[in-house]
Amino acid sequence: MKHLEIYLRDEAATGRLAASLAARAEARDVIALAGPLGSGKTSFARAFIRALGCGDQ
């Protein structure tokens, strides 16, 4: 298992990273998000889902 820590400047950077990872994600990949309240986990998840074409549901 790989561990990677990334610190991003703002929500736009978070969205770009999420879209980039979504384009490379494969079935059965696991992406774990950890961080304190307000660190961008939900923003990342929403951008990731949007990039997969699932929209905000």
C-alpha atoms as a PDB file:
ATOM      1  CA  MET A   1       0.000   0.000   0.000  1.00  0.00           C
ATOM      2  CA  LYS A   2       1.295   3.437  -0.928  1.00  0.00           C
ATOM      3  CA  HIS A   3       0.966   6.479   1.301  1.00  0.00           C
ATOM      4  CA  LEU A   4       1.089   9.957  -0.165  1.00  0.00           C
ATOM      5  CA  GLU A   5       0.578  13.321   1.505  1.00  0.00           C
ATOM      6  CA  ILE A   6      -0.304  16.303  -0.657  1.00  0.00           C
ATOM      7  CA  TYR A   7      -0.870  19.856   0.506  1.00  0.00           C
ATOM      8  CA  LEU A   8      -2.848  22.012  -1.931  1.00  0.00           C
ATOM      9  CA  ARG A   9      -3.120  25.787  -2.045  1.00  0.00           C
ATOM     10  CA  ASP A  10      -6.870  26.148  -2.648  1.00  0.00           C
ATOM     11  CA  GLU A  11     -10.119  24.460  -3.683  1.00  0.00           C
ATOM     12  CA  ALA A  12      -9.350  24.887  -7.393  1.00  0.00           C
ATOM     13  CA  ALA A  13      -6.104  22.932  -6.957  1.00  0.00           C
ATOM     14  CA  THR A  14      -8.031  20.275  -5.055  1.00  0.00           C
ATOM     15  CA  GLY A  15     -10.492  19.997  -7.950  1.00  0.00           C
ATOM     16  CA  ARG A  16      -7.692  19.662 -10.498  1.00  0.00           C
ATOM     17  CA  LEU A  17      -6.012  16.904  -8.498  1.00  0.00           C
ATOM     18  CA  ALA A  18      -9.324  15.074  -8.045  1.00  0.00           C
ATOM     19  CA  ALA A  19     -10.060  15.238 -11.780  1.00  0.00           C
ATOM     20  CA  SER A  20      -6.572  14.008 -12.608  1.00  0.00           C
ATOM     21  CA  LEU A  21      -6.873  11.059 -10.228  1.00  0.00           C
ATOM     22  CA  ALA A  22     -10.381  10.253 -11.468  1.00  0.00           C
ATOM     23  CA  ALA A  23      -9.039  10.001 -15.016  1.00  0.00           C
ATOM     24  CA  ARG A  24      -6.467   7.441 -13.850  1.00  0.00           C
ATOM     25  CA  ALA A  25      -8.543   5.511 -11.318  1.00  0.00           C
ATOM     26  CA  GLU A  26      -9.385   1.913 -12.052  1.00  0.00           C
ATOM     27  CA  ALA A  27     -11.956  -0.463 -10.630  1.00  0.00           C
ATOM     28  CA  ARG A  28     -11.037  -1.590  -7.109  1.00  0.00           C
ATOM     29  CA  ASP A  29      -8.661   1.332  -6.478  1.00  0.00           C
ATOM     30  CA  VAL A  30      -8.988   2.732  -2.970  1.00  0.00           C
ATOM     31  CA  ILE A  31      -8.428   6.398  -2.211  1.00  0.00           C
ATOM     32  CA  ALA A  32      -8.550   7.269   1.485  1.00  0.00           C
ATOM     33  CA  LEU A  33      -8.999  10.886   2.490  1.00  0.00           C
ATOM     34  CA  ALA A  34      -7.907  11.989   5.939  1.00  0.00           C
ATOM     35  CA  GLY A  35      -7.642  15.370   7.561  1.00  0.00           C
ATOM     36  CA  PRO A  36      -9.230  17.738  10.011  1.00  0.00           C
ATOM     37  CA  LEU A  37     -12.556  19.463   9.554  1.00  0.00           C
ATOM     38  CA  GLY A  38     -12.351  21.939   6.686  1.00  0.00           C
ATOM     39  CA  SER A  39      -9.309  20.390   5.034  1.00  0.00           C
ATOM     40  CA  GLY A  40     -11.048  19.726   1.700  1.00  0.00           C
ATOM     41  CA  LYS A  41     -12.055  16.070   1.851  1.00  0.00           C
ATOM     42  CA  THR A  42     -15.625  16.744   0.698  1.00  0.00           C
ATOM     43  CA  SER A  43     -14.455  19.159  -2.004  1.00  0.00           C
ATOM     44  CA  PHE A  44     -12.089  16.484  -3.286  1.00  0.00           C
ATOM     45  CA  ALA A  45     -14.789  13.796  -3.240  1.00  0.00           C
ATOM     46  CA  ARG A  46     -17.304  15.995  -5.070  1.00  0.00           C
ATOM     47  CA  ALA A  47     -14.771  16.964  -7.744  1.00  0.00           C
ATOM     48  CA  PHE A  48     -13.713  13.320  -8.140  1.00  0.00           C
ATOM     49  CA  ILE A  49     -17.321  12.178  -8.585  1.00  0.00           C
ATOM     50  CA  ARG A  50     -18.044  15.034 -11.005  1.00  0.00           C
ATOM     51  CA  ALA A  51     -14.982  14.106 -13.068  1.00  0.00           C
ATOM     52  CA  LEU A  52     -16.279  10.540 -13.324  1.00  0.00           C
ATOM     53  CA  GLY A  53     -19.448  11.952 -14.868  1.00  0.00           C
ATOM     54  CA  CYS A  54     -21.717  11.133 -11.962  1.00  0.00           C
ATOM     55  CA  GLY A  55     -22.618  14.735 -11.069  1.00  0.00           C
ATOM     56  CA  ASP A  56     -23.747  16.104  -7.713  1.00  0.00           C
ATOM     57  CA  GLN A  57     -26.435  13.690  -6.612  1.00  0.00           C
END
